[in-house]
Amino acid sequence: MRDQAEKLRLKMLESQGALGRSIAVVSGKGGVGKSNFTTNFAINLAKLGKKVVILDMDLGMANVHILIGKQAPYHLKDYLEGRVSFTDIIFRGPENIHYISGGSGFSSVVEWSE
């Protein structure tokens, strides 16, 4: 019964616009245009009045900040390592979009173990 009640509450919140939506743009192959598509899609959504935050999760090869034309002083890596707060890594880009840069040139964020 709790599952049905929870689903109903979520539907009510969604209909009131209280919840945001998440869209993931992914591919197993690099260089196919994920960042270009995401940046252009975000700009177009913002022009329609939507609130948009891009989270560039391409750890080590992130380039949304390059496409936006604004270098981020802090990256997702800085937050994950506890050096800055979450609000410190959110930056304003063009057309009133916001972004969180994954950072470039590092591989120490994710440690794979067997």
PDB file of N, CA and C in Angstrom:
ATOM      1  N   MET A   1       0.814  -1.191   0.000  1.00  0.00           N
ATOM      2  CA  MET A   1       0.000   0.000   0.000  1.00  0.00           C
ATOM      3  C   MET A   1       0.861   1.260   0.000  1.00  0.00           C
ATOM      4  N   ARG A   2       1.987   1.187   0.694  1.00  0.00           N
ATOM      5  CA  ARG A   2       2.862   2.355   0.761  1.00  0.00           C
ATOM      6  C   ARG A   2       3.402   2.718  -0.622  1.00  0.00           C
ATOM      7  N   ASP A   3       3.702   1.723  -1.455  1.00  0.00           N
ATOM      8  CA  ASP A   3       4.207   1.994  -2.797  1.00  0.00           C
ATOM      9  C   ASP A   3       3.204   2.790  -3.616  1.00  0.00           C
ATOM     10  N   GLN A   4       1.928   2.435  -3.526  1.00  0.00           N
ATOM     11  CA  GLN A   4       0.899   3.157  -4.270  1.00  0.00           C
ATOM     12  C   GLN A   4       0.778   4.588  -3.776  1.00  0.00           C
ATOM     13  N   ALA A   5       0.821   4.779  -2.468  1.00  0.00           N
ATOM     14  CA  ALA A   5       0.721   6.120  -1.895  1.00  0.00           C
ATOM     15  C   ALA A   5       1.922   6.969  -2.306  1.00  0.00           C
ATOM     16  N   GLU A   6       3.099   6.376  -2.292  1.00  0.00           N
ATOM     17  CA  GLU A   6       4.307   7.104  -2.693  1.00  0.00           C
ATOM     18  C   GLU A   6       4.233   7.518  -4.153  1.00  0.00           C
ATOM     19  N   LYS A   7       3.779   6.613  -5.011  1.00  0.00           N
ATOM     20  CA  LYS A   7       3.636   6.936  -6.433  1.00  0.00           C
ATOM     21  C   LYS A   7       2.639   8.067  -6.640  1.00  0.00           C
ATOM     22  N   LEU A   8       1.544   8.056  -5.887  1.00  0.00           N
ATOM     23  CA  LEU A   8       0.539   9.108  -6.003  1.00  0.00           C
ATOM     24  C   LEU A   8       1.111  10.454  -5.571  1.00  0.00           C
ATOM     25  N   ARG A   9       1.867  10.463  -4.467  1.00  0.00           N
ATOM     26  CA  ARG A   9       2.496  11.712  -4.012  1.00  0.00           C
ATOM     27  C   ARG A   9       3.465  12.246  -5.061  1.00  0.00           C
ATOM     28  N   LEU A  10       4.262  11.366  -5.647  1.00  0.00           N
ATOM     29  CA  LEU A  10       5.208  11.792  -6.677  1.00  0.00           C
ATOM     30  C   LEU A  10       4.485  12.356  -7.894  1.00  0.00           C
ATOM     31  N   LYS A  11       3.391  11.718  -8.302  1.00  0.00           N
ATOM     32  CA  LYS A  11       2.616  12.222  -9.443  1.00  0.00           C
ATOM     33  C   LYS A  11       2.047  13.600  -9.147  1.00  0.00           C
ATOM     34  N   MET A  12       1.587  13.811  -7.918  1.00  0.00           N
ATOM     35  CA  MET A  12       1.041  15.115  -7.540  1.00  0.00           C
ATOM     36  C   MET A  12       2.133  16.182  -7.570  1.00  0.00           C
ATOM     37  N   LEU A  13       3.305  15.855  -7.037  1.00  0.00           N
ATOM     38  CA  LEU A  13       4.408  16.812  -7.051  1.00  0.00           C
ATOM     39  C   LEU A  13       4.847  17.131  -8.470  1.00  0.00           C
ATOM     40  N   GLU A  14       4.916  16.109  -9.320  1.00  0.00           N
ATOM     41  CA  GLU A  14       5.296  16.334 -10.716  1.00  0.00           C
ATOM     42  C   GLU A  14       4.290  17.238 -11.409  1.00  0.00           C
ATOM     43  N   SER A  15       3.012  17.017 -11.163  1.00  0.00           N
ATOM     44  CA  SER A  15       1.990  17.826 -11.824  1.00  0.00           C
ATOM     45  C   SER A  15       2.033  19.274 -11.349  1.00  0.00           C
ATOM     46  N   GLN A  16       2.534  19.497 -10.151  1.00  0.00           N
ATOM     47  CA  GLN A  16       2.654  20.852  -9.628  1.00  0.00           C
ATOM     48  C   GLN A  16       3.982  21.492 -10.027  1.00  0.00           C
ATOM     49  N   GLY A  17       4.816  20.759 -10.699  1.00  0.00           N
ATOM     50  CA  GLY A  17       6.105  21.295 -11.123  1.00  0.00           C
ATOM     51  C   GLY A  17       7.138  21.346 -10.016  1.00  0.00           C
ATOM     52  N   ALA A  18       6.888  20.648  -8.907  1.00  0.00           N
ATOM     53  CA  ALA A  18       7.809  20.695  -7.778  1.00  0.00           C
ATOM     54  C   ALA A  18       9.041  19.829  -7.999  1.00  0.00           C
ATOM     55  N   LEU A  19       8.938  18.835  -8.855  1.00  0.00           N
ATOM     56  CA  LEU A  19      10.073  17.959  -9.121  1.00  0.00           C
ATOM     57  C   LEU A  19      10.672  18.272 -10.484  1.00  0.00           C
ATOM     58  N   GLY A  20      11.969  18.206 -10.554  1.00  0.00           N
ATOM     59  CA  GLY A  20      12.626  18.381 -11.842  1.00  0.00           C
ATOM     60  C   GLY A  20      12.694  17.074 -12.596  1.00  0.00           C
ATOM     61  N   ARG A  21      13.203  17.152 -13.776  1.00  0.00           N
ATOM     62  CA  ARG A  21      13.389  15.956 -14.592  1.00  0.00           C
ATOM     63  C   ARG A  21      14.885  15.824 -14.876  1.00  0.00           C
ATOM     64  N   SER A  22      15.314  14.590 -15.016  1.00  0.00           N
ATOM     65  CA  SER A  22      16.707  14.316 -15.360  1.00  0.00           C
ATOM     66  C   SER A  22      16.750  13.653 -16.723  1.00  0.00           C
ATOM     67  N   ILE A  23      17.683  14.090 -17.527  1.00  0.00           N
ATOM     68  CA  ILE A  23      17.901  13.489 -18.837  1.00  0.00           C
ATOM     69  C   ILE A  23      19.370  13.104 -18.901  1.00  0.00           C
ATOM     70  N   ALA A  24      19.648  11.842 -19.147  1.00  0.00           N
ATOM     71  CA  ALA A  24      21.028  11.373 -19.258  1.00  0.00           C
ATOM     72  C   ALA A  24      21.374  11.199 -20.731  1.00  0.00           C
ATOM     73  N   VAL A  25      22.516  11.728 -21.118  1.00  0.00           N
ATOM     74  CA  VAL A  25      23.026  11.560 -22.482  1.00  0.00           C
ATOM     75  C   VAL A  25      24.291  10.725 -22.354  1.00  0.00           C
ATOM     76  N   VAL A  26      24.236   9.495 -22.845  1.00  0.00           N
ATOM     77  CA  VAL A  26      25.346   8.563 -22.647  1.00  0.00           C
ATOM     78  C   VAL A  26      25.686   7.834 -23.938  1.00  0.00           C
ATOM     79  N   SER A  27      26.908   7.331 -23.981  1.00  0.00           N
ATOM     80  CA  SER A  27      27.353   6.479 -25.073  1.00  0.00           C
ATOM     81  C   SER A  27      28.582   5.730 -24.593  1.00  0.00           C
ATOM     82  N   GLY A  28      28.757   4.541 -25.082  1.00  0.00           N
ATOM     83  CA  GLY A  28      29.933   3.759 -24.731  1.00  0.00           C
ATOM     84  C   GLY A  28      31.159   4.154 -25.531  1.00  0.00           C
ATOM     85  N   LYS A  29      30.976   5.023 -26.494  1.00  0.00           N
ATOM     86  CA  LYS A  29      32.067   5.424 -27.382  1.00  0.00           C
ATOM     87  C   LYS A  29      32.327   6.916 -27.224  1.00  0.00           C
ATOM     88  N   GLY A  30      33.578   7.290 -27.208  1.00  0.00           N
ATOM     89  CA  GLY A  30      33.932   8.698 -27.135  1.00  0.00           C
ATOM     90  C   GLY A  30      33.862   9.370 -28.493  1.00  0.00           C
ATOM     91  N   GLY A  31      33.716  10.681 -28.466  1.00  0.00           N
ATOM     92  CA  GLY A  31      33.771  11.456 -29.700  1.00  0.00           C
ATOM     93  C   GLY A  31      32.537  11.402 -30.572  1.00  0.00           C
ATOM     94  N   VAL A  32      31.389  11.010 -29.999  1.00  0.00           N
ATOM     95  CA  VAL A  32      30.174  10.911 -30.811  1.00  0.00           C
ATOM     96  C   VAL A  32      29.287  12.149 -30.698  1.00  0.00           C
ATOM     97  N   GLY A  33      29.661  13.112 -29.855  1.00  0.00           N
ATOM     98  CA  GLY A  33      28.908  14.361 -29.769  1.00  0.00           C
ATOM     99  C   GLY A  33      28.022  14.517 -28.551  1.00  0.00           C
ATOM    100  N   LYS A  34      28.270  13.739 -27.507  1.00  0.00           N
ATOM    101  CA  LYS A  34      27.447  13.832 -26.296  1.00  0.00           C
ATOM    102  C   LYS A  34      27.495  15.230 -25.689  1.00  0.00           C
ATOM    103  N   SER A  35      28.671  15.777 -25.552  1.00  0.00           N
ATOM    104  CA  SER A  35      28.815  17.096 -24.933  1.00  0.00           C
ATOM    105  C   SER A  35      28.221  18.192 -25.808  1.00  0.00           C
ATOM    106  N   ASN A  36      28.438  18.108 -27.118  1.00  0.00           N
ATOM    107  CA  ASN A  36      27.852  19.093 -28.033  1.00  0.00           C
ATOM    108  C   ASN A  36      26.336  19.054 -27.975  1.00  0.00           C
ATOM    109  N   PHE A  37      25.765  17.852 -28.059  1.00  0.00           N
ATOM    110  CA  PHE A  37      24.315  17.712 -27.996  1.00  0.00           C
ATOM    111  C   PHE A  37      23.776  18.250 -26.674  1.00  0.00           C
ATOM    112  N   THR A  38      24.411  17.833 -25.576  1.00  0.00           N
ATOM    113  CA  THR A  38      23.948  18.228 -24.247  1.00  0.00           C
ATOM    114  C   THR A  38      23.973  19.736 -24.073  1.00  0.00           C
ATOM    115  N   THR A  39      25.060  20.371 -24.476  1.00  0.00           N
ATOM    116  CA  THR A  39      25.177  21.820 -24.332  1.00  0.00           C
ATOM    117  C   THR A  39      24.129  22.543 -25.166  1.00  0.00           C
ATOM    118  N   ASN A  40      23.965  22.150 -26.416  1.00  0.00           N
ATOM    119  CA  ASN A  40      22.968  22.799 -27.274  1.00  0.00           C
ATOM    120  C   ASN A  40      21.545  22.534 -26.789  1.00  0.00           C
ATOM    121  N   PHE A  41      21.272  21.324 -26.340  1.00  0.00           N
ATOM    122  CA  PHE A  41      19.957  20.982 -25.810  1.00  0.00           C
ATOM    123  C   PHE A  41      19.657  21.819 -24.569  1.00  0.00           C
ATOM    124  N   ALA A  42      20.641  21.956 -23.688  1.00  0.00           N
ATOM    125  CA  ALA A  42      20.472  22.745 -22.467  1.00  0.00           C
ATOM    126  C   ALA A  42      20.187  24.208 -22.790  1.00  0.00           C
ATOM    127  N   ILE A  43      20.916  24.763 -23.740  1.00  0.00           N
ATOM    128  CA  ILE A  43      20.695  26.161 -24.124  1.00  0.00           C
ATOM    129  C   ILE A  43      19.284  26.347 -24.672  1.00  0.00           C
ATOM    130  N   ASN A  44      18.829  25.415 -25.493  1.00  0.00           N
ATOM    131  CA  ASN A  44      17.474  25.517 -26.044  1.00  0.00           C
ATOM    132  C   ASN A  44      16.406  25.361 -24.966  1.00  0.00           C
ATOM    133  N   LEU A  45      16.602  24.470 -24.015  1.00  0.00           N
ATOM    134  CA  LEU A  45      15.653  24.344 -22.906  1.00  0.00           C
ATOM    135  C   LEU A  45      15.609  25.627 -22.083  1.00  0.00           C
ATOM    136  N   ALA A  46      16.776  26.215 -21.833  1.00  0.00           N
ATOM    137  CA  ALA A  46      16.831  27.462 -21.069  1.00  0.00           C
ATOM    138  C   ALA A  46      16.113  28.591 -21.808  1.00  0.00           C
ATOM    139  N   LYS A  47      16.247  28.636 -23.127  1.00  0.00           N
ATOM    140  CA  LYS A  47      15.536  29.651 -23.910  1.00  0.00           C
ATOM    141  C   LYS A  47      14.022  29.488 -23.809  1.00  0.00           C
ATOM    142  N   LEU A  48      13.573  28.264 -23.522  1.00  0.00           N
ATOM    143  CA  LEU A  48      12.141  27.998 -23.332  1.00  0.00           C
ATOM    144  C   LEU A  48      11.695  28.282 -21.895  1.00  0.00           C
ATOM    145  N   GLY A  49      12.626  28.792 -21.087  1.00  0.00           N
ATOM    146  CA  GLY A  49      12.291  29.150 -19.716  1.00  0.00           C
ATOM    147  C   GLY A  49      12.516  28.051 -18.695  1.00  0.00           C
ATOM    148  N   LYS A  50      13.132  26.961 -19.098  1.00  0.00           N
ATOM    149  CA  LYS A  50      13.396  25.856 -18.177  1.00  0.00           C
ATOM    150  C   LYS A  50      14.664  26.135 -17.381  1.00  0.00           C
ATOM    151  N   LYS A  51      14.699  25.652 -16.155  1.00  0.00           N
ATOM    152  CA  LYS A  51      15.916  25.720 -15.347  1.00  0.00           C
ATOM    153  C   LYS A  51      16.758  24.506 -15.703  1.00  0.00           C
ATOM    154  N   VAL A  52      18.018  24.749 -16.050  1.00  0.00           N
ATOM    155  CA  VAL A  52      18.865  23.670 -16.558  1.00  0.00           C
ATOM    156  C   VAL A  52      20.208  23.658 -15.831  1.00  0.00           C
ATOM    157  N   VAL A  53      20.623  22.462 -15.422  1.00  0.00           N
ATOM    158  CA  VAL A  53      21.962  22.248 -14.880  1.00  0.00           C
ATOM    159  C   VAL A  53      22.577  21.084 -15.647  1.00  0.00           C
ATOM    160  N   ILE A  54      23.748  21.312 -16.224  1.00  0.00           N
ATOM    161  CA  ILE A  54      24.493  20.243 -16.890  1.00  0.00           C
ATOM    162  C   ILE A  54      25.502  19.694 -15.889  1.00  0.00           C
ATOM    163  N   LEU A  55      25.501  18.393 -15.711  1.00  0.00           N
ATOM    164  CA  LEU A  55      26.506  17.725 -14.885  1.00  0.00           C
ATOM    165  C   LEU A  55      27.377  16.912 -15.827  1.00  0.00           C
ATOM    166  N   ASP A  56      28.582  17.396 -16.076  1.00  0.00           N
ATOM    167  CA  ASP A  56      29.503  16.725 -16.993  1.00  0.00           C
ATOM    168  C   ASP A  56      30.219  15.617 -16.235  1.00  0.00           C
ATOM    169  N   MET A  57      29.785  14.393 -16.454  1.00  0.00           N
ATOM    170  CA  MET A  57      30.330  13.243 -15.730  1.00  0.00           C
ATOM    171  C   MET A  57      31.433  12.523 -16.493  1.00  0.00           C
ATOM    172  N   ASP A  58      31.959  13.140 -17.516  1.00  0.00           N
ATOM    173  CA  ASP A  58      33.064  12.536 -18.257  1.00  0.00           C
ATOM    174  C   ASP A  58      34.344  12.821 -17.471  1.00  0.00           C
ATOM    175  N   LEU A  59      34.518  12.072 -16.389  1.00  0.00           N
ATOM    176  CA  LEU A  59      35.637  12.323 -15.488  1.00  0.00           C
ATOM    177  C   LEU A  59      36.963  12.115 -16.199  1.00  0.00           C
ATOM    178  N   GLY A  60      37.748  13.152 -16.218  1.00  0.00           N
ATOM    179  CA  GLY A  60      39.058  13.088 -16.849  1.00  0.00           C
ATOM    180  C   GLY A  60      39.096  13.686 -18.239  1.00  0.00           C
ATOM    181  N   MET A  61      37.974  13.672 -18.947  1.00  0.00           N
ATOM    182  CA  MET A  61      37.934  14.233 -20.303  1.00  0.00           C
ATOM    183  C   MET A  61      36.737  15.170 -20.480  1.00  0.00           C
ATOM    184  N   ALA A  62      36.267  15.761 -19.407  1.00  0.00           N
ATOM    185  CA  ALA A  62      35.118  16.660 -19.468  1.00  0.00           C
ATOM    186  C   ALA A  62      35.430  17.859 -20.357  1.00  0.00           C
ATOM    187  N   ASN A  63      34.455  18.277 -21.156  1.00  0.00           N
ATOM    188  CA  ASN A  63      34.703  19.442 -22.005  1.00  0.00           C
ATOM    189  C   ASN A  63      33.505  20.370 -22.160  1.00  0.00           C
ATOM    190  N   VAL A  64      32.454  20.181 -21.366  1.00  0.00           N
ATOM    191  CA  VAL A  64      31.316  21.098 -21.443  1.00  0.00           C
ATOM    192  C   VAL A  64      31.771  22.521 -21.131  1.00  0.00           C
ATOM    193  N   HIS A  65      32.676  22.674 -20.175  1.00  0.00           N
ATOM    194  CA  HIS A  65      33.160  24.016 -19.842  1.00  0.00           C
ATOM    195  C   HIS A  65      33.861  24.670 -21.037  1.00  0.00           C
ATOM    196  N   ILE A  66      34.494  23.883 -21.879  1.00  0.00           N
ATOM    197  CA  ILE A  66      35.139  24.420 -23.084  1.00  0.00           C
ATOM    198  C   ILE A  66      34.078  24.872 -24.079  1.00  0.00           C
ATOM    199  N   LEU A  67      33.042  24.063 -24.271  1.00  0.00           N
ATOM    200  CA  LEU A  67      31.964  24.417 -25.191  1.00  0.00           C
ATOM    201  C   LEU A  67      31.201  25.650 -24.714  1.00  0.00           C
ATOM    202  N   ILE A  68      31.057  25.781 -23.411  1.00  0.00           N
ATOM    203  CA  ILE A  68      30.367  26.936 -22.840  1.00  0.00           C
ATOM    204  C   ILE A  68      31.250  28.174 -22.903  1.00  0.00           C
ATOM    205  N   GLY A  69      32.556  27.971 -22.877  1.00  0.00           N
ATOM    206  CA  GLY A  69      33.480  29.098 -22.952  1.00  0.00           C
ATOM    207  C   GLY A  69      33.804  29.716 -21.609  1.00  0.00           C
ATOM    208  N   LYS A  70      33.582  28.970 -20.542  1.00  0.00           N
ATOM    209  CA  LYS A  70      33.885  29.469 -19.199  1.00  0.00           C
ATOM    210  C   LYS A  70      34.604  28.383 -18.416  1.00  0.00           C
ATOM    211  N   GLN A  71      35.840  28.629 -18.088  1.00  0.00           N
ATOM    212  CA  GLN A  71      36.620  27.679 -17.297  1.00  0.00           C
ATOM    213  C   GLN A  71      36.111  27.682 -15.863  1.00  0.00           C
ATOM    214  N   ALA A  72      35.867  26.530 -15.320  1.00  0.00           N
ATOM    215  CA  ALA A  72      35.401  26.407 -13.938  1.00  0.00           C
ATOM    216  C   ALA A  72      36.600  26.313 -13.000  1.00  0.00           C
ATOM    217  N   PRO A  73      36.653  27.149 -11.964  1.00  0.00           N
ATOM    218  CA  PRO A  73      37.777  27.058 -11.029  1.00  0.00           C
ATOM    219  C   PRO A  73      37.730  25.795 -10.173  1.00  0.00           C
ATOM    220  N   TYR A  74      36.534  25.265  -9.955  1.00  0.00           N
ATOM    221  CA  TYR A  74      36.373  24.032  -9.189  1.00  0.00           C
ATOM    222  C   TYR A  74      35.620  23.020 -10.030  1.00  0.00           C
ATOM    223  N   HIS A  75      35.911  21.753  -9.780  1.00  0.00           N
ATOM    224  CA  HIS A  75      35.315  20.673 -10.556  1.00  0.00           C
ATOM    225  C   HIS A  75      34.648  19.672  -9.625  1.00  0.00           C
ATOM    226  N   LEU A  76      33.961  18.720 -10.223  1.00  0.00           N
ATOM    227  CA  LEU A  76      33.330  17.651  -9.467  1.00  0.00           C
ATOM    228  C   LEU A  76      34.359  16.933  -8.592  1.00  0.00           C
ATOM    229  N   LYS A  77      35.561  16.784  -9.098  1.00  0.00           N
ATOM    230  CA  LYS A  77      36.638  16.132  -8.341  1.00  0.00           C
ATOM    231  C   LYS A  77      36.883  16.854  -7.013  1.00  0.00           C
ATOM    232  N   ASP A  78      36.881  18.187  -7.038  1.00  0.00           N
ATOM    233  CA  ASP A  78      37.116  18.958  -5.814  1.00  0.00           C
ATOM    234  C   ASP A  78      36.043  18.679  -4.763  1.00  0.00           C
ATOM    235  N   TYR A  79      34.801  18.554  -5.215  1.00  0.00           N
ATOM    236  CA  TYR A  79      33.706  18.240  -4.296  1.00  0.00           C
ATOM    237  C   TYR A  79      33.835  16.810  -3.767  1.00  0.00           C
ATOM    238  N   LEU A  80      34.102  15.856  -4.665  1.00  0.00           N
ATOM    239  CA  LEU A  80      34.206  14.452  -4.256  1.00  0.00           C
ATOM    240  C   LEU A  80      35.347  14.227  -3.272  1.00  0.00           C
ATOM    241  N   GLU A  81      36.392  15.027  -3.387  1.00  0.00           N
ATOM    242  CA  GLU A  81      37.527  14.912  -2.466  1.00  0.00           C
ATOM    243  C   GLU A  81      37.344  15.764  -1.216  1.00  0.00           C
ATOM    244  N   GLY A  82      36.192  16.452  -1.091  1.00  0.00           N
ATOM    245  CA  GLY A  82      35.874  17.208   0.116  1.00  0.00           C
ATOM    246  C   GLY A  82      36.553  18.552   0.245  1.00  0.00           C
ATOM    247  N   ARG A  83      37.107  19.084  -0.835  1.00  0.00           N
ATOM    248  CA  ARG A  83      37.819  20.365  -0.770  1.00  0.00           C
ATOM    249  C   ARG A  83      36.895  21.572  -0.854  1.00  0.00           C
ATOM    250  N   VAL A  84      35.721  21.410  -1.469  1.00  0.00           N
ATOM    251  CA  VAL A  84      34.771  22.515  -1.608  1.00  0.00           C
ATOM    252  C   VAL A  84      33.357  21.991  -1.366  1.00  0.00           C
ATOM    253  N   SER A  85      32.429  22.910  -1.152  1.00  0.00           N
ATOM    254  CA  SER A  85      31.033  22.507  -0.964  1.00  0.00           C
ATOM    255  C   SER A  85      30.375  22.288  -2.327  1.00  0.00           C
ATOM    256  N   PHE A  86      29.204  21.667  -2.316  1.00  0.00           N
ATOM    257  CA  PHE A  86      28.504  21.385  -3.570  1.00  0.00           C
ATOM    258  C   PHE A  86      28.160  22.676  -4.316  1.00  0.00           C
ATOM    259  N   THR A  87      27.739  23.697  -3.595  1.00  0.00           N
ATOM    260  CA  THR A  87      27.382  24.957  -4.264  1.00  0.00           C
ATOM    261  C   THR A  87      28.594  25.634  -4.904  1.00  0.00           C
ATOM    262  N   ASP A  88      29.793  25.318  -4.427  1.00  0.00           N
ATOM    263  CA  ASP A  88      31.013  25.901  -5.005  1.00  0.00           C
ATOM    264  C   ASP A  88      31.316  25.386  -6.407  1.00  0.00           C
ATOM    265  N   ILE A  89      30.735  24.259  -6.802  1.00  0.00           N
ATOM    266  CA  ILE A  89      31.063  23.687  -8.114  1.00  0.00           C
ATOM    267  C   ILE A  89      29.977  23.942  -9.166  1.00  0.00           C
ATOM    268  N   ILE A  90      28.942  24.710  -8.806  1.00  0.00           N
ATOM    269  CA  ILE A  90      27.874  25.037  -9.758  1.00  0.00           C
ATOM    270  C   ILE A  90      28.147  26.426 -10.323  1.00  0.00           C
ATOM    271  N   PHE A  91      28.265  26.513 -11.653  1.00  0.00           N
ATOM    272  CA  PHE A  91      28.601  27.777 -12.300  1.00  0.00           C
ATOM    273  C   PHE A  91      27.546  28.165 -13.321  1.00  0.00           C
ATOM    274  N   ARG A  92      27.397  29.463 -13.512  1.00  0.00           N
ATOM    275  CA  ARG A  92      26.442  29.975 -14.493  1.00  0.00           C
ATOM    276  C   ARG A  92      27.119  30.063 -15.850  1.00  0.00           C
ATOM    277  N   GLY A  93      26.432  29.532 -16.850  1.00  0.00           N
ATOM    278  CA  GLY A  93      26.906  29.593 -18.223  1.00  0.00           C
ATOM    279  C   GLY A  93      26.029  30.520 -19.043  1.00  0.00           C
ATOM    280  N   PRO A  94      26.095  30.417 -20.353  1.00  0.00           N
ATOM    281  CA  PRO A  94      25.282  31.277 -21.221  1.00  0.00           C
ATOM    282  C   PRO A  94      23.802  30.900 -21.147  1.00  0.00           C
ATOM    283  N   GLU A  95      22.965  31.825 -21.536  1.00  0.00           N
ATOM    284  CA  GLU A  95      21.512  31.586 -21.616  1.00  0.00           C
ATOM    285  C   GLU A  95      20.921  31.121 -20.289  1.00  0.00           C
ATOM    286  N   ASN A  96      21.565  31.505 -19.177  1.00  0.00           N
ATOM    287  CA  ASN A  96      21.070  31.176 -17.841  1.00  0.00           C
ATOM    288  C   ASN A  96      21.092  29.675 -17.527  1.00  0.00           C
ATOM    289  N   ILE A  97      21.950  28.928 -18.212  1.00  0.00           N
ATOM    290  CA  ILE A  97      22.132  27.532 -17.813  1.00  0.00           C
ATOM    291  C   ILE A  97      23.214  27.490 -16.736  1.00  0.00           C
ATOM    292  N   HIS A  98      23.213  26.446 -15.955  1.00  0.00           N
ATOM    293  CA  HIS A  98      24.240  26.230 -14.949  1.00  0.00           C
ATOM    294  C   HIS A  98      24.938  24.917 -15.281  1.00  0.00           C
ATOM    295  N   TYR A  99      26.173  24.780 -14.826  1.00  0.00           N
ATOM    296  CA  TYR A  99      26.901  23.550 -15.128  1.00  0.00           C
ATOM    297  C   TYR A  99      27.853  23.183 -14.002  1.00  0.00           C
ATOM    298  N   ILE A 100      28.122  21.896 -13.940  1.00  0.00           N
ATOM    299  CA  ILE A 100      29.113  21.344 -13.030  1.00  0.00           C
ATOM    300  C   ILE A 100      30.122  20.620 -13.905  1.00  0.00           C
ATOM    301  N   SER A 101      31.361  21.068 -13.850  1.00  0.00           N
ATOM    302  CA  SER A 101      32.402  20.496 -14.697  1.00  0.00           C
ATOM    303  C   SER A 101      32.989  19.244 -14.063  1.00  0.00           C
ATOM    304  N   GLY A 102      33.160  18.217 -14.886  1.00  0.00           N
ATOM    305  CA  GLY A 102      33.805  16.996 -14.418  1.00  0.00           C
ATOM    306  C   GLY A 102      35.304  17.169 -14.273  1.00  0.00           C
ATOM    307  N   GLY A 103      35.864  18.163 -14.948  1.00  0.00           N
ATOM    308  CA  GLY A 103      37.297  18.388 -14.921  1.00  0.00           C
ATOM    309  C   GLY A 103      37.998  17.624 -16.022  1.00  0.00           C
ATOM    310  N   SER A 104      39.198  18.022 -16.331  1.00  0.00           N
ATOM    311  CA  SER A 104      39.966  17.375 -17.394  1.00  0.00           C
ATOM    312  C   SER A 104      41.347  16.994 -16.891  1.00  0.00           C
ATOM    313  N   GLY A 105      41.870  15.925 -17.459  1.00  0.00           N
ATOM    314  CA  GLY A 105      43.254  15.565 -17.206  1.00  0.00           C
ATOM    315  C   GLY A 105      43.520  14.856 -15.893  1.00  0.00           C
ATOM    316  N   PHE A 106      42.510  14.259 -15.287  1.00  0.00           N
ATOM    317  CA  PHE A 106      42.783  13.496 -14.077  1.00  0.00           C
ATOM    318  C   PHE A 106      42.070  12.153 -14.151  1.00  0.00           C
ATOM    319  N   SER A 107      42.653  11.175 -13.531  1.00  0.00           N
ATOM    320  CA  SER A 107      42.029   9.851 -13.500  1.00  0.00           C
ATOM    321  C   SER A 107      41.962   9.297 -12.085  1.00  0.00           C
ATOM    322  N   SER A 108      42.400  10.083 -11.115  1.00  0.00           N
ATOM    323  CA  SER A 108      42.464   9.579  -9.744  1.00  0.00           C
ATOM    324  C   SER A 108      41.128   9.626  -9.019  1.00  0.00           C
ATOM    325  N   VAL A 109      40.106  10.233  -9.609  1.00  0.00           N
ATOM    326  CA  VAL A 109      38.818  10.336  -8.927  1.00  0.00           C
ATOM    327  C   VAL A 109      38.190   8.968  -8.753  1.00  0.00           C
ATOM    328  N   VAL A 110      38.234   8.184  -9.800  1.00  0.00           N
ATOM    329  CA  VAL A 110      37.618   6.864  -9.762  1.00  0.00           C
ATOM    330  C   VAL A 110      38.715   5.821  -9.650  1.00  0.00           C
ATOM    331  N   GLU A 111      38.673   5.065  -8.573  1.00  0.00           N
ATOM    332  CA  GLU A 111      39.640   3.987  -8.399  1.00  0.00           C
ATOM    333  C   GLU A 111      38.904   2.673  -8.587  1.00  0.00           C
ATOM    334  N   TRP A 112      39.229   1.985  -9.647  1.00  0.00           N
ATOM    335  CA  TRP A 112      38.573   0.711  -9.934  1.00  0.00           C
ATOM    336  C   TRP A 112      39.240  -0.383  -9.122  1.00  0.00           C
ATOM    337  N   SER A 113      38.431  -1.224  -8.526  1.00  0.00           N
ATOM    338  CA  SER A 113      38.988  -2.362  -7.793  1.00  0.00           C
ATOM    339  C   SER A 113      38.289  -3.630  -8.257  1.00  0.00           C
ATOM    340  N   GLU A 114      38.978  -4.731  -8.104  1.00  0.00           N
ATOM    341  CA  GLU A 114      38.411  -6.011  -8.553  1.00  0.00           C
ATOM    342  C   GLU A 114      37.587  -6.655  -7.477  1.00  0.00           C
TER     343      GLU A 114
END
